[in-house]
Amino acid sequence: MEEFALRRTLSDELHARAFHDFEGAGRFIRYVFLTDGDTGAILDYVNAFLDAAGRAPIPADNKFLRLDMDGYALRVEQHTEFMSVSFVEKGHRRATGLLADAFDPGITHLPLAWARGIPAPVFHAIWLEIGGKPPRGLTPERMTAIMDSRAIASNHFSNGDAQLHFAFDIDAAGFSRIALFNQGISPNRMGRVVQRVVELETYRLLALLGFAAVRDNSRSLGSIERAVGSLTTDMAAQIKQVDGQVQQLLSVLSAQAADLEEIYSRTSYRLAATKAYEAILTDRIASLQFTRLEGFQGVRGFLGRRMTPALDSCRAFSARLSRLSERITRAGDLLQTQTEMIIQRQNRDLLRSMNARARHQLRLQQTVERLSIAAVTYYGVGLVGYLAKPLPLDEWHLDINLVKAAAVPAIAFLVWLAIRGVRAGLHDREDS
């Protein structure tokens, strides 16, 4: 039986992000780099490290990889717009509190110095320290000192089996610190917990990238809003006038529409990504099932107060983009309608002018025809006079002037018939 080409790829996707059991105390350190899909330089750097350690290189199409090294695990993940390099250390015995070298960037058994040389700017660095039971007398002030942060957010989670403390800040070594005190979570559950906690912190900062885009483009969007408002006012004033002119406003509106489209192209992807990252962040918070830790402010409340205004700004900016685009579309439709009405009035005036000229031409043609009949009749009568001179008019008792006078009606009638025939022939050719 023939197998669909993507069957195994799609099936393997469910297992690509699997996290191994995490037993005992230890740490998870992650470096996050924004790549926009270009991970070549970072992969080359990592592969050179693996080659020196006698390991096979990472294929470019391998999105998620975990390698057991000497005393730690190296975890490399490639996502749509970022790449992470992580170190996982576990298996230490610690009944209470954190390891002695917790949050110490000078530890030598992990290649942190090598990681700092990765050829890409660090977007985020996360240090999650996992210990034993929380020490007695743990206060917010003591935890703030341990986390080297301006404020911390803490909760019980997993039915009170553990405590989680977030710094949501960057320490002197460049890390965002997280401390987890485990009172009774099994190793297989702890692996999933560690993954969710690290993802929560990763996507928290990624979600705020949209706010940076909003801040960079808000002034330009405000300028367009003011310009469109002024243009709409001018357009309304011109439309209310009988001879109002709106053609010159169309170029101004087109320029504003082009500027708006430029802002949309710069921010649409980032705002959509922020919406997706916010959904992931919300999901990770919900999956951890936080409960109150007495004396500490909670993670959900902390993020709600600190992140909600920024995320609301992103949503408001998206709404402003949509509304402004609709306003420009409506103004463009109105300008187009008004322009068409102006063109129709111009066409009406042109047709009236053409009709007037046609009437003048008809009168002139009729006048010319009458003059032509008179002129041809005159020359025809003269010709009759020349023809009548040789005739014996005296014997017939006729006067030559009388002959000419009698010829006038006949000649005029014949000339009129001839002109009428020519006109009828022209009309027939035009109709055909």
Protein backbone atom coordinates (compact mmCIF):
# COMPACT_ATOMS: atom_id res chain seq x y z
CA MET A 1 0.00 0.00 0.00
CA GLU A 2 1.37 3.40 -0.98
CA GLU A 3 1.88 5.79 1.93
CA PHE A 4 1.10 9.50 1.83
CA ALA A 5 4.34 11.48 1.66
CA LEU A 6 3.69 13.64 4.75
CA ARG A 7 2.14 10.95 6.93
CA ARG A 8 5.18 10.24 9.10
CA THR A 9 6.24 13.90 9.23
CA LEU A 10 2.83 14.91 10.54
CA SER A 11 2.80 12.03 13.01
CA ASP A 12 6.29 12.84 14.29
CA GLU A 13 5.22 16.43 14.94
CA LEU A 14 3.32 15.23 18.02
CA HIS A 15 6.58 13.93 19.49
CA ALA A 16 8.95 16.67 18.31
CA ARG A 17 8.75 18.74 21.50
CA ALA A 18 8.75 15.88 23.98
CA PHE A 19 10.53 16.63 27.26
CA HIS A 20 12.41 13.98 29.21
CA ASP A 21 11.83 13.18 32.86
CA PHE A 22 13.38 15.63 35.29
CA GLU A 23 14.39 14.01 38.55
CA GLY A 24 15.96 15.67 41.57
CA ALA A 25 17.34 19.18 41.67
CA GLY A 26 19.00 20.91 38.76
CA ARG A 27 18.58 23.70 36.27
CA PHE A 28 17.34 24.56 32.81
CA ILE A 29 19.16 27.40 31.05
CA ARG A 30 17.83 28.63 27.71
CA TYR A 31 19.21 31.20 25.25
CA VAL A 32 16.71 32.52 22.72
CA PHE A 33 17.75 34.13 19.41
CA LEU A 34 15.47 35.82 16.88
CA THR A 35 16.31 34.40 13.45
CA ASP A 36 13.38 35.03 11.06
CA GLY A 37 14.10 31.62 9.61
CA ASP A 38 17.83 32.19 9.00
CA THR A 39 19.53 29.85 11.47
CA GLY A 40 22.63 29.05 9.39
CA ALA A 41 25.20 30.96 11.45
CA ILE A 42 23.92 29.60 14.78
CA LEU A 43 23.75 26.03 13.45
CA ASP A 44 27.30 26.27 12.11
CA TYR A 45 28.50 27.49 15.52
CA VAL A 46 26.67 24.68 17.35
CA ASN A 47 27.88 22.06 14.88
CA ALA A 48 31.48 23.18 15.36
CA PHE A 49 31.01 22.64 19.10
CA LEU A 50 29.52 19.20 18.50
CA ASP A 51 32.32 18.27 16.11
CA ALA A 52 34.90 19.19 18.74
CA ALA A 53 33.03 16.94 21.18
CA GLY A 54 33.02 14.06 18.69
CA ARG A 55 29.29 14.32 17.99
CA ALA A 56 27.41 14.27 14.69
CA PRO A 57 26.26 17.68 13.39
CA ILE A 58 22.64 18.79 13.54
CA PRO A 59 20.90 18.59 10.13
CA ALA A 60 19.49 21.89 8.93
CA ASP A 61 15.98 20.44 8.72
CA ASN A 62 16.05 19.04 12.26
CA LYS A 63 13.78 21.36 14.23
CA PHE A 64 14.12 19.82 17.71
CA LEU A 65 17.10 17.90 19.04
CA ARG A 66 18.28 16.76 22.47
CA LEU A 67 21.79 15.38 23.00
CA ASP A 68 23.14 13.91 26.23
CA MET A 69 26.56 15.45 26.83
CA ASP A 70 29.02 15.12 29.71
CA GLY A 71 26.90 15.80 32.80
CA TYR A 72 24.18 17.76 31.05
CA ALA A 73 21.86 17.67 28.03
CA LEU A 74 22.06 20.06 25.08
CA ARG A 75 18.68 20.98 23.62
CA VAL A 76 18.40 22.86 20.30
CA GLU A 77 15.03 24.03 18.98
CA GLN A 78 14.24 25.83 15.73
CA HIS A 79 10.94 27.71 15.60
CA THR A 80 9.36 29.95 12.99
CA GLU A 81 11.12 33.14 14.06
CA PHE A 82 13.41 32.13 16.88
CA MET A 83 15.94 29.48 17.80
CA SER A 84 16.86 28.33 21.29
CA VAL A 85 19.94 26.64 22.70
CA SER A 86 19.39 25.12 26.15
CA PHE A 87 21.33 23.27 28.81
CA VAL A 88 19.57 20.83 31.12
CA GLU A 89 21.22 19.65 34.31
CA LYS A 90 19.36 17.32 36.67
CA GLY A 91 19.68 14.43 39.12
CA HIS A 92 21.19 16.34 42.07
CA ARG A 93 20.02 15.53 45.56
CA ARG A 94 18.64 18.50 47.40
CA ALA A 95 16.09 18.08 50.19
CA THR A 96 15.51 21.78 50.84
CA GLY A 97 16.16 24.97 48.90
CA LEU A 98 18.19 25.48 45.75
CA LEU A 99 21.63 24.19 44.77
CA ALA A 100 24.62 26.02 46.22
CA ASP A 101 25.65 27.43 42.83
CA ALA A 102 22.14 28.50 41.85
CA PHE A 103 22.10 31.42 39.40
CA ASP A 104 25.92 31.55 39.37
CA PRO A 105 27.03 32.45 35.81
CA GLY A 106 30.59 31.43 36.66
CA ILE A 107 29.86 27.70 36.92
CA THR A 108 32.30 25.72 34.79
CA HIS A 109 30.60 22.37 34.25
CA LEU A 110 28.14 23.97 31.77
CA PRO A 111 29.47 25.65 28.58
CA LEU A 112 27.90 29.03 29.31
CA ALA A 113 31.01 30.88 28.13
CA TRP A 114 30.72 29.05 24.78
CA ALA A 115 27.02 29.94 24.57
CA ARG A 116 27.79 33.62 25.05
CA GLY A 117 29.82 33.45 21.84
CA ILE A 118 26.90 32.38 19.64
CA PRO A 119 26.99 34.74 16.60
CA ALA A 120 23.57 36.31 17.12
CA PRO A 121 22.10 38.90 19.51
CA VAL A 122 20.48 37.26 22.54
CA PHE A 123 16.78 38.02 22.59
CA HIS A 124 16.17 36.31 25.92
CA ALA A 125 18.14 34.25 28.44
CA ILE A 126 16.21 32.19 30.99
CA TRP A 127 17.64 30.48 34.05
CA LEU A 128 15.25 28.08 35.77
CA GLU A 129 16.61 26.66 39.00
CA ILE A 130 14.87 23.55 40.43
CA GLY A 131 15.45 22.68 44.07
CA GLY A 132 13.93 20.69 46.91
CA LYS A 133 11.31 21.81 49.37
CA PRO A 134 11.04 25.54 50.01
CA PRO A 135 13.09 26.66 53.03
CA ARG A 136 11.29 27.74 56.15
CA GLY A 137 10.59 31.38 56.68
CA LEU A 138 10.68 32.19 52.98
CA THR A 139 9.53 35.80 52.66
CA PRO A 140 9.00 38.03 49.61
CA GLU A 141 12.01 40.11 50.68
CA ARG A 142 14.30 37.10 50.91
CA MET A 143 13.03 35.73 47.59
CA THR A 144 13.53 39.12 45.91
CA ALA A 145 17.18 39.05 47.02
CA ILE A 146 17.66 35.48 45.73
CA MET A 147 16.10 36.39 42.39
CA ASP A 148 18.07 39.67 42.10
CA SER A 149 14.94 41.39 40.85
CA ARG A 150 12.90 44.50 41.45
CA ALA A 151 9.75 42.41 42.04
CA ILE A 152 8.75 38.77 42.01
CA ALA A 153 5.57 36.85 41.25
CA SER A 154 4.97 33.57 43.06
CA ASN A 155 2.39 30.80 43.33
CA HIS A 156 1.73 27.34 44.54
CA PHE A 157 0.87 25.03 41.66
CA SER A 158 0.10 21.40 40.90
CA ASN A 159 -2.21 21.05 43.90
CA GLY A 160 0.32 22.61 46.24
CA ASP A 161 3.09 20.13 45.39
CA ALA A 162 5.47 22.91 44.35
CA GLN A 163 6.23 26.62 44.52
CA LEU A 164 7.16 28.75 41.54
CA HIS A 165 8.85 32.16 41.73
CA PHE A 166 9.33 34.38 38.65
CA ALA A 167 11.62 37.39 38.57
CA PHE A 168 10.27 38.73 35.28
CA ASP A 169 13.41 40.86 35.26
CA ILE A 170 16.98 40.64 33.94
CA ASP A 171 19.83 40.15 36.40
CA ALA A 172 23.41 41.41 36.12
CA ALA A 173 24.42 38.38 34.04
CA GLY A 174 21.57 38.90 31.57
CA PHE A 175 19.25 36.12 32.78
CA SER A 176 15.60 36.16 33.71
CA ARG A 177 15.48 34.05 36.87
CA ILE A 178 12.88 31.44 37.84
CA ALA A 179 13.00 29.34 41.01
CA LEU A 180 10.99 26.14 41.46
CA PHE A 181 10.74 24.37 44.82
CA ASN A 182 9.54 20.80 44.39
CA GLN A 183 7.69 19.18 47.27
CA GLY A 184 6.29 16.11 45.59
CA ILE A 185 6.07 16.25 41.80
CA SER A 186 7.11 13.04 40.08
CA PRO A 187 9.98 13.13 37.53
CA ASN A 188 7.77 12.56 34.49
CA ARG A 189 5.40 15.36 35.53
CA MET A 190 8.30 17.60 36.42
CA GLY A 191 9.62 17.31 32.86
CA ARG A 192 6.36 18.69 31.49
CA VAL A 193 6.24 21.37 34.20
CA VAL A 194 9.75 22.58 33.37
CA GLN A 195 8.86 22.79 29.69
CA ARG A 196 5.69 24.79 30.38
CA VAL A 197 7.45 27.16 32.77
CA VAL A 198 10.26 27.89 30.30
CA GLU A 199 7.76 28.34 27.46
CA LEU A 200 5.72 30.72 29.61
CA GLU A 201 8.75 32.96 30.14
CA THR A 202 9.83 32.66 26.48
CA TYR A 203 6.45 33.58 25.01
CA ARG A 204 5.92 36.32 27.58
CA LEU A 205 8.74 38.33 26.05
CA LEU A 206 7.91 37.32 22.47
CA ALA A 207 4.36 38.61 22.96
CA LEU A 208 5.74 42.03 23.87
CA LEU A 209 7.46 42.38 20.50
CA GLY A 210 4.11 43.55 19.16
CA PHE A 211 4.07 46.39 21.67
CA ALA A 212 7.47 47.54 20.39
CA ALA A 213 6.07 47.61 16.84
CA VAL A 214 3.03 49.55 18.04
CA ARG A 215 5.22 52.09 19.83
CA ASP A 216 7.40 52.57 16.73
CA ASN A 217 4.44 53.13 14.39
CA SER A 218 1.85 54.89 16.59
CA ARG A 219 3.08 58.38 15.70
CA SER A 220 2.91 57.67 11.96
CA LEU A 221 -0.57 56.19 12.31
CA GLY A 222 -1.70 59.21 14.29
CA SER A 223 -0.40 61.51 11.56
CA ILE A 224 -2.39 59.60 8.95
CA GLU A 225 -5.52 59.75 11.13
CA ARG A 226 -5.20 63.54 11.41
CA ALA A 227 -4.57 63.93 7.68
CA VAL A 228 -7.57 61.77 6.79
CA GLY A 229 -9.75 63.70 9.25
CA SER A 230 -8.71 67.03 7.71
CA LEU A 231 -9.21 65.64 4.21
CA THR A 232 -12.70 64.39 5.10
CA THR A 233 -13.63 67.84 6.40
CA ASP A 234 -12.38 69.51 3.20
CA MET A 235 -14.18 66.94 1.09
CA ALA A 236 -17.47 67.52 2.90
CA ALA A 237 -17.12 71.29 2.39
CA GLN A 238 -16.43 70.86 -1.34
CA ILE A 239 -19.30 68.42 -1.85
CA LYS A 240 -21.76 70.86 -0.27
CA GLN A 241 -20.80 73.51 -2.84
CA VAL A 242 -22.57 73.52 -6.19
CA ASP A 243 -19.33 73.88 -8.12
CA GLY A 244 -17.16 72.07 -5.54
CA GLN A 245 -13.94 70.51 -6.79
CA VAL A 246 -12.71 67.30 -5.15
CA GLN A 247 -10.34 65.98 -7.83
CA GLN A 248 -7.26 67.39 -6.10
CA LEU A 249 -8.21 65.61 -2.86
CA LEU A 250 -7.97 62.21 -4.53
CA SER A 251 -4.17 62.36 -4.79
CA VAL A 252 -3.91 63.33 -1.10
CA LEU A 253 -6.14 60.42 -0.11
CA SER A 254 -4.12 58.02 -2.26
CA ALA A 255 -0.91 59.12 -0.53
CA GLN A 256 -2.45 58.50 2.92
CA ALA A 257 -3.71 55.10 1.79
CA ALA A 258 -0.20 54.19 0.62
CA ASP A 259 1.30 55.27 3.96
CA LEU A 260 -1.30 53.23 5.84
CA GLU A 261 -0.57 50.18 3.71
CA GLU A 262 3.12 50.57 4.50
CA ILE A 263 2.40 50.58 8.25
CA TYR A 264 0.13 47.57 7.83
CA SER A 265 2.84 45.64 6.01
CA ARG A 266 5.34 46.45 8.77
CA THR A 267 3.08 45.50 11.68
CA SER A 268 0.52 42.93 10.51
CA TYR A 269 2.75 39.90 11.00
CA ARG A 270 4.05 41.10 14.35
CA LEU A 271 0.57 41.86 15.70
CA ALA A 272 -0.73 38.48 14.53
CA ALA A 273 2.27 36.79 16.18
CA THR A 274 1.61 38.70 19.41
CA LYS A 275 -1.97 37.42 19.41
CA ALA A 276 -0.72 33.85 18.94
CA TYR A 277 1.96 34.21 21.63
CA GLU A 278 -0.58 35.67 24.06
CA ALA A 279 -2.80 32.62 23.49
CA ILE A 280 0.15 30.30 24.20
CA LEU A 281 1.06 32.30 27.31
CA THR A 282 -2.52 32.11 28.59
CA ASP A 283 -2.60 28.38 27.92
CA ARG A 284 0.64 27.76 29.81
CA ILE A 285 -0.58 29.75 32.82
CA ALA A 286 -3.84 27.81 32.84
CA SER A 287 -2.10 24.42 32.51
CA LEU A 288 0.08 25.07 35.57
CA GLN A 289 -3.03 25.52 37.76
CA PHE A 290 -1.63 28.27 39.96
CA THR A 291 -2.99 28.72 43.48
CA ARG A 292 -2.30 31.47 45.97
CA LEU A 293 0.99 31.49 47.90
CA GLU A 294 0.38 33.35 51.12
CA GLY A 295 2.24 36.65 51.35
CA PHE A 296 3.28 36.76 47.67
CA GLN A 297 1.70 38.40 44.65
CA GLY A 298 0.53 35.86 42.09
CA VAL A 299 1.86 35.31 38.59
CA ARG A 300 -1.51 35.78 36.89
CA GLY A 301 -2.20 39.03 38.71
CA PHE A 302 1.34 40.32 38.13
CA LEU A 303 1.21 39.65 34.38
CA GLY A 304 -2.34 40.98 34.20
CA ARG A 305 -1.29 44.31 35.66
CA ARG A 306 2.01 44.60 33.79
CA MET A 307 1.27 42.97 30.41
CA THR A 308 -2.42 43.69 29.82
CA PRO A 309 -1.89 47.40 29.03
CA ALA A 310 0.77 46.51 26.44
CA LEU A 311 -1.34 43.77 24.86
CA ASP A 312 -4.41 46.04 24.93
CA SER A 313 -2.33 48.63 23.08
CA CYS A 314 -1.60 46.03 20.40
CA ARG A 315 -5.28 45.20 20.06
CA ALA A 316 -6.20 48.89 19.97
CA PHE A 317 -3.57 49.55 17.32
CA SER A 318 -4.98 46.72 15.17
CA ALA A 319 -8.46 48.16 15.59
CA ARG A 320 -7.20 51.63 14.63
CA LEU A 321 -5.61 50.19 11.50
CA SER A 322 -8.87 48.51 10.52
CA ARG A 323 -11.03 51.55 11.24
CA LEU A 324 -8.68 53.91 9.41
CA SER A 325 -8.60 51.59 6.41
CA GLU A 326 -12.41 51.58 6.38
CA ARG A 327 -12.50 55.38 6.64
CA ILE A 328 -10.13 55.75 3.72
CA THR A 329 -12.18 53.25 1.70
CA ARG A 330 -15.40 55.16 2.42
CA ALA A 331 -13.76 58.49 1.62
CA GLY A 332 -12.40 57.02 -1.62
CA ASP A 333 -15.84 55.74 -2.58
CA LEU A 334 -17.35 59.13 -1.84
CA LEU A 335 -14.65 60.91 -3.83
CA GLN A 336 -15.16 58.53 -6.72
CA THR A 337 -18.92 59.11 -6.64
CA GLN A 338 -18.47 62.86 -6.52
CA THR A 339 -15.90 62.74 -9.32
CA GLU A 340 -18.27 60.71 -11.48
CA MET A 341 -21.03 63.24 -10.82
CA ILE A 342 -18.68 66.06 -11.86
CA ILE A 343 -17.75 64.16 -15.02
CA GLN A 344 -21.42 63.56 -15.76
CA ARG A 345 -22.17 67.28 -15.35
CA GLN A 346 -19.23 68.09 -17.63
CA ASN A 347 -20.50 65.59 -20.19
CA ARG A 348 -23.99 67.08 -19.95
CA ASP A 349 -22.62 70.57 -20.54
CA LEU A 350 -20.50 69.29 -23.40
CA LEU A 351 -23.52 67.61 -25.03
CA ARG A 352 -25.52 70.80 -24.62
CA SER A 353 -22.72 72.75 -26.24
CA MET A 354 -22.48 70.21 -29.05
CA ASN A 355 -26.24 70.37 -29.58
CA ALA A 356 -26.10 74.16 -29.74
CA ARG A 357 -23.25 74.01 -32.24
CA ALA A 358 -25.16 71.41 -34.26
CA ARG A 359 -28.21 73.68 -34.38
CA HIS A 360 -26.06 76.60 -35.47
CA GLN A 361 -24.45 74.44 -38.14
CA LEU A 362 -27.89 73.28 -39.33
CA ARG A 363 -29.12 76.84 -39.59
CA LEU A 364 -25.95 77.80 -41.40
CA GLN A 365 -26.31 74.81 -43.71
CA GLN A 366 -29.92 75.72 -44.42
CA THR A 367 -28.90 79.30 -45.13
CA VAL A 368 -26.14 78.12 -47.42
CA GLU A 369 -28.58 75.80 -49.19
CA ARG A 370 -30.99 78.68 -49.78
CA LEU A 371 -28.20 80.88 -51.04
CA SER A 372 -27.00 78.03 -53.21
CA ILE A 373 -30.45 77.59 -54.73
CA ALA A 374 -30.63 81.33 -55.41
CA ALA A 375 -27.14 81.44 -56.90
CA VAL A 376 -27.64 78.37 -59.10
CA THR A 377 -31.05 79.64 -60.16
CA TYR A 378 -29.51 82.99 -61.09
CA TYR A 379 -26.85 81.34 -63.21
CA GLY A 380 -29.46 78.98 -64.69
CA VAL A 381 -31.68 81.91 -65.73
CA GLY A 382 -28.66 83.57 -67.33
CA LEU A 383 -27.97 80.39 -69.25
CA VAL A 384 -31.60 80.26 -70.42
CA GLY A 385 -31.20 83.86 -71.63
CA TYR A 386 -28.17 82.93 -73.69
CA LEU A 387 -30.00 79.91 -75.12
CA ALA A 388 -33.12 81.94 -75.92
CA LYS A 389 -31.35 84.74 -77.85
CA PRO A 390 -30.97 82.80 -81.12
CA LEU A 391 -34.63 81.83 -81.08
CA PRO A 392 -37.20 83.84 -83.18
CA LEU A 393 -38.84 85.32 -80.14
CA ASP A 394 -40.28 88.27 -82.11
CA GLU A 395 -42.10 85.94 -84.45
CA TRP A 396 -43.47 84.11 -81.42
CA HIS A 397 -44.38 87.44 -79.85
CA LEU A 398 -42.31 86.65 -76.76
CA ASP A 399 -40.01 88.90 -74.71
CA ILE A 400 -36.70 87.43 -73.59
CA ASN A 401 -37.15 88.87 -70.09
CA LEU A 402 -40.50 87.12 -69.88
CA VAL A 403 -38.81 83.86 -70.88
CA LYS A 404 -36.20 84.34 -68.15
CA ALA A 405 -38.88 85.13 -65.58
CA ALA A 406 -40.85 82.06 -66.54
CA ALA A 407 -37.72 79.92 -66.20
CA VAL A 408 -37.00 81.06 -62.63
CA PRO A 409 -39.55 78.79 -60.81
CA ALA A 410 -38.65 75.75 -62.89
CA ILE A 411 -34.91 76.16 -62.43
CA ALA A 412 -35.28 76.83 -58.68
CA PHE A 413 -37.43 73.72 -58.30
CA LEU A 414 -34.93 71.55 -60.17
CA VAL A 415 -32.02 72.87 -58.07
CA TRP A 416 -33.98 72.20 -54.86
CA LEU A 417 -34.68 68.64 -56.00
CA ALA A 418 -31.00 68.09 -56.77
CA ILE A 419 -29.85 69.36 -53.36
CA ARG A 420 -32.52 67.27 -51.64
CA GLY A 421 -31.33 64.19 -53.50
CA VAL A 422 -27.71 64.79 -52.46
CA ARG A 423 -28.77 65.24 -48.79
CA ALA A 424 -30.86 62.03 -48.87
CA GLY A 425 -27.88 60.13 -50.26
CA LEU A 426 -25.62 61.36 -47.45
CA HIS A 427 -28.18 60.32 -44.78
CA ASP A 428 -28.47 56.85 -46.34
CA ARG A 429 -24.69 56.35 -46.17
CA GLU A 430 -24.58 57.50 -42.53
CA ASP A 431 -27.42 55.10 -41.56
CA SER A 432 -25.71 52.17 -43.23
